[in-house]
Amino acid sequence: MAVMVTMTLKIDAATYQAAHDDLIKIATEDGLIFHSGREVAGGIGVVDFWPSKEAFETFFNGAASDAFKAVGVAPPDDLAFTDVLTADAI
Protein backbone atom coordinates (compact mmCIF):
# COMPACT_ATOMS: atom_id res chain seq x y z
CA MET A 1 0.00 0.00 0.00
CA ALA A 2 1.25 3.50 -0.83
CA VAL A 3 2.32 5.71 2.07
CA MET A 4 2.83 9.37 2.81
CA VAL A 5 5.99 9.89 4.85
CA THR A 6 6.51 13.06 6.89
CA MET A 7 9.55 14.14 8.87
CA THR A 8 11.62 17.11 9.94
CA LEU A 9 15.29 17.08 9.03
CA LYS A 10 17.35 19.03 11.55
CA ILE A 11 19.41 20.62 8.83
CA ASP A 12 19.78 24.08 7.33
CA ALA A 13 18.50 24.94 3.86
CA ALA A 14 21.97 25.19 2.28
CA THR A 15 22.98 21.71 3.46
CA TYR A 16 19.61 20.29 2.36
CA GLN A 17 20.00 21.84 -1.11
CA ALA A 18 23.56 20.54 -1.42
CA ALA A 19 22.46 16.93 -0.81
CA HIS A 20 19.09 17.14 -2.59
CA ASP A 21 19.93 16.31 -6.22
CA ASP A 22 21.98 13.20 -5.46
CA LEU A 23 19.47 11.85 -2.94
CA ILE A 24 16.46 12.49 -5.20
CA LYS A 25 18.10 10.50 -7.98
CA ILE A 26 18.70 7.53 -5.67
CA ALA A 27 15.27 7.86 -4.04
CA THR A 28 13.57 7.84 -7.45
CA GLU A 29 15.44 4.66 -8.34
CA ASP A 30 14.20 3.16 -5.04
CA GLY A 31 10.56 4.06 -5.88
CA LEU A 32 9.93 7.63 -4.66
CA ILE A 33 6.73 8.99 -6.20
CA PHE A 34 6.75 12.58 -4.87
CA HIS A 35 9.00 14.68 -2.64
CA SER A 36 8.69 18.15 -1.16
CA GLY A 37 10.85 20.04 1.30
CA ARG A 38 10.14 23.35 3.00
CA GLU A 39 11.78 25.42 5.69
CA VAL A 40 10.15 25.02 9.10
CA ALA A 41 11.18 25.92 12.64
CA GLY A 42 14.17 23.73 13.44
CA GLY A 43 14.96 22.51 9.94
CA ILE A 44 13.40 21.22 6.75
CA GLY A 45 9.93 19.68 6.76
CA VAL A 46 9.59 16.82 4.26
CA VAL A 47 6.52 15.18 2.74
CA ASP A 48 7.18 12.17 0.52
CA PHE A 49 4.96 9.61 -1.16
CA TRP A 50 6.30 6.08 -1.64
CA PRO A 51 4.73 2.94 -3.10
CA SER A 52 5.19 1.17 0.26
CA LYS A 53 6.72 1.62 3.69
CA GLU A 54 9.28 -1.05 2.75
CA ALA A 55 10.42 0.90 -0.33
CA PHE A 56 10.95 3.99 1.82
CA GLU A 57 12.84 2.01 4.46
CA THR A 58 15.19 0.57 1.82
CA PHE A 59 16.12 4.11 0.81
CA PHE A 60 16.12 5.55 4.33
CA ASN A 61 18.29 2.82 5.84
CA GLY A 62 20.70 2.90 2.89
CA ALA A 63 21.47 6.03 0.88
CA ALA A 64 19.68 8.48 3.18
CA SER A 65 21.41 7.11 6.28
CA ASP A 66 24.79 7.38 4.55
CA ALA A 67 24.04 10.98 3.50
CA PHE A 68 22.97 11.96 7.04
CA LYS A 69 26.18 10.53 8.46
CA ALA A 70 28.31 12.28 5.80
CA VAL A 71 27.00 15.72 6.78
CA GLY A 72 26.77 14.99 10.51
CA VAL A 73 22.98 15.19 10.75
CA ALA A 74 20.97 12.99 13.12
CA PRO A 75 18.14 10.98 11.58
CA PRO A 76 14.72 12.60 12.09
CA ASP A 77 12.95 11.79 15.34
CA ASP A 78 9.44 12.53 14.06
CA LEU A 79 9.19 10.10 11.14
CA ALA A 80 5.53 9.28 10.45
CA PHE A 81 3.75 7.03 7.95
CA THR A 82 0.19 7.44 6.72
CA ASP A 83 -1.41 4.86 4.42
CA VAL A 84 -3.00 6.49 1.38
CA LEU A 85 -5.46 5.13 -1.14
CA THR A 86 -3.61 6.59 -4.11
CA ALA A 87 -0.26 8.19 -4.84
CA ASP A 88 -0.11 8.95 -8.54
CA ALA A 89 2.81 10.67 -10.25
CA ILE A 90 1.41 12.96 -12.90
C-alpha atoms as a PDB file:
ATOM      1  CA  MET A   1       0.000   0.000   0.000  1.00  0.00           C
ATOM      2  CA  ALA A   2       1.248   3.501  -0.827  1.00  0.00           C
ATOM      3  CA  VAL A   3       2.319   5.710   2.067  1.00  0.00           C
ATOM      4  CA  MET A   4       2.835   9.369   2.814  1.00  0.00           C
ATOM      5  CA  VAL A   5       5.988   9.895   4.849  1.00  0.00           C
ATOM      6  CA  THR A   6       6.510  13.059   6.889  1.00  0.00           C
ATOM      7  CA  MET A   7       9.553  14.136   8.871  1.00  0.00           C
ATOM      8  CA  THR A   8      11.618  17.110   9.938  1.00  0.00           C
ATOM      9  CA  LEU A   9      15.294  17.084   9.029  1.00  0.00           C
ATOM     10  CA  LYS A  10      17.353  19.025  11.554  1.00  0.00           C
ATOM     11  CA  ILE A  11      19.414  20.623   8.829  1.00  0.00           C
ATOM     12  CA  ASP A  12      19.780  24.084   7.332  1.00  0.00           C
ATOM     13  CA  ALA A  13      18.497  24.944   3.857  1.00  0.00           C
ATOM     14  CA  ALA A  14      21.968  25.187   2.278  1.00  0.00           C
ATOM     15  CA  THR A  15      22.977  21.707   3.464  1.00  0.00           C
ATOM     16  CA  TYR A  16      19.609  20.290   2.356  1.00  0.00           C
ATOM     17  CA  GLN A  17      20.000  21.840  -1.111  1.00  0.00           C
ATOM     18  CA  ALA A  18      23.563  20.537  -1.420  1.00  0.00           C
ATOM     19  CA  ALA A  19      22.457  16.930  -0.812  1.00  0.00           C
ATOM     20  CA  HIS A  20      19.095  17.143  -2.594  1.00  0.00           C
ATOM     21  CA  ASP A  21      19.929  16.306  -6.219  1.00  0.00           C
ATOM     22  CA  ASP A  22      21.982  13.199  -5.456  1.00  0.00           C
ATOM     23  CA  LEU A  23      19.471  11.855  -2.939  1.00  0.00           C
ATOM     24  CA  ILE A  24      16.464  12.491  -5.202  1.00  0.00           C
ATOM     25  CA  LYS A  25      18.095  10.502  -7.982  1.00  0.00           C
ATOM     26  CA  ILE A  26      18.695   7.535  -5.667  1.00  0.00           C
ATOM     27  CA  ALA A  27      15.266   7.863  -4.039  1.00  0.00           C
ATOM     28  CA  THR A  28      13.565   7.838  -7.450  1.00  0.00           C
ATOM     29  CA  GLU A  29      15.442   4.660  -8.342  1.00  0.00           C
ATOM     30  CA  ASP A  30      14.197   3.163  -5.038  1.00  0.00           C
ATOM     31  CA  GLY A  31      10.557   4.056  -5.883  1.00  0.00           C
ATOM     32  CA  LEU A  32       9.932   7.629  -4.664  1.00  0.00           C
ATOM     33  CA  ILE A  33       6.726   8.992  -6.205  1.00  0.00           C
ATOM     34  CA  PHE A  34       6.751  12.575  -4.869  1.00  0.00           C
ATOM     35  CA  HIS A  35       8.997  14.683  -2.640  1.00  0.00           C
ATOM     36  CA  SER A  36       8.689  18.152  -1.158  1.00  0.00           C
ATOM     37  CA  GLY A  37      10.850  20.037   1.303  1.00  0.00           C
ATOM     38  CA  ARG A  38      10.141  23.347   3.003  1.00  0.00           C
ATOM     39  CA  GLU A  39      11.777  25.421   5.690  1.00  0.00           C
ATOM     40  CA  VAL A  40      10.151  25.016   9.103  1.00  0.00           C
ATOM     41  CA  ALA A  41      11.184  25.922  12.635  1.00  0.00           C
ATOM     42  CA  GLY A  42      14.168  23.734  13.442  1.00  0.00           C
ATOM     43  CA  GLY A  43      14.960  22.512   9.940  1.00  0.00           C
ATOM     44  CA  ILE A  44      13.396  21.221   6.750  1.00  0.00           C
ATOM     45  CA  GLY A  45       9.926  19.677   6.759  1.00  0.00           C
ATOM     46  CA  VAL A  46       9.591  16.824   4.258  1.00  0.00           C
ATOM     47  CA  VAL A  47       6.524  15.183   2.744  1.00  0.00           C
ATOM     48  CA  ASP A  48       7.175  12.167   0.523  1.00  0.00           C
ATOM     49  CA  PHE A  49       4.958   9.611  -1.162  1.00  0.00           C
ATOM     50  CA  TRP A  50       6.298   6.077  -1.636  1.00  0.00           C
ATOM     51  CA  PRO A  51       4.727   2.939  -3.101  1.00  0.00           C
ATOM     52  CA  SER A  52       5.193   1.175   0.256  1.00  0.00           C
ATOM     53  CA  LYS A  53       6.721   1.623   3.687  1.00  0.00           C
ATOM     54  CA  GLU A  54       9.275  -1.048   2.746  1.00  0.00           C
ATOM     55  CA  ALA A  55      10.416   0.898  -0.333  1.00  0.00           C
ATOM     56  CA  PHE A  56      10.950   3.993   1.815  1.00  0.00           C
ATOM     57  CA  GLU A  57      12.837   2.008   4.458  1.00  0.00           C
ATOM     58  CA  THR A  58      15.189   0.572   1.820  1.00  0.00           C
ATOM     59  CA  PHE A  59      16.122   4.114   0.808  1.00  0.00           C
ATOM     60  CA  PHE A  60      16.115   5.554   4.326  1.00  0.00           C
ATOM     61  CA  ASN A  61      18.292   2.819   5.837  1.00  0.00           C
ATOM     62  CA  GLY A  62      20.701   2.897   2.887  1.00  0.00           C
ATOM     63  CA  ALA A  63      21.475   6.034   0.881  1.00  0.00           C
ATOM     64  CA  ALA A  64      19.683   8.485   3.182  1.00  0.00           C
ATOM     65  CA  SER A  65      21.411   7.107   6.276  1.00  0.00           C
ATOM     66  CA  ASP A  66      24.787   7.385   4.554  1.00  0.00           C
ATOM     67  CA  ALA A  67      24.044  10.979   3.502  1.00  0.00           C
ATOM     68  CA  PHE A  68      22.970  11.957   7.036  1.00  0.00           C
ATOM     69  CA  LYS A  69      26.184  10.532   8.458  1.00  0.00           C
ATOM     70  CA  ALA A  70      28.310  12.281   5.801  1.00  0.00           C
ATOM     71  CA  VAL A  71      27.002  15.722   6.780  1.00  0.00           C
ATOM     72  CA  GLY A  72      26.768  14.994  10.510  1.00  0.00           C
ATOM     73  CA  VAL A  73      22.979  15.192  10.750  1.00  0.00           C
ATOM     74  CA  ALA A  74      20.974  12.993  13.117  1.00  0.00           C
ATOM     75  CA  PRO A  75      18.140  10.976  11.583  1.00  0.00           C
ATOM     76  CA  PRO A  76      14.720  12.598  12.092  1.00  0.00           C
ATOM     77  CA  ASP A  77      12.949  11.793  15.340  1.00  0.00           C
ATOM     78  CA  ASP A  78       9.436  12.526  14.063  1.00  0.00           C
ATOM     79  CA  LEU A  79       9.190  10.101  11.137  1.00  0.00           C
ATOM     80  CA  ALA A  80       5.526   9.276  10.453  1.00  0.00           C
ATOM     81  CA  PHE A  81       3.755   7.030   7.953  1.00  0.00           C
ATOM     82  CA  THR A  82       0.190   7.443   6.717  1.00  0.00           C
ATOM     83  CA  ASP A  83      -1.407   4.864   4.424  1.00  0.00           C
ATOM     84  CA  VAL A  84      -2.998   6.491   1.376  1.00  0.00           C
ATOM     85  CA  LEU A  85      -5.460   5.134  -1.140  1.00  0.00           C
ATOM     86  CA  THR A  86      -3.613   6.588  -4.110  1.00  0.00           C
ATOM     87  CA  ALA A  87      -0.263   8.188  -4.843  1.00  0.00           C
ATOM     88  CA  ASP A  88      -0.106   8.949  -8.545  1.00  0.00           C
ATOM     89  CA  ALA A  89       2.810  10.671 -10.248  1.00  0.00           C
ATOM     90  CA  ILE A  90       1.407  12.964 -12.899  1.00  0.00           C
END
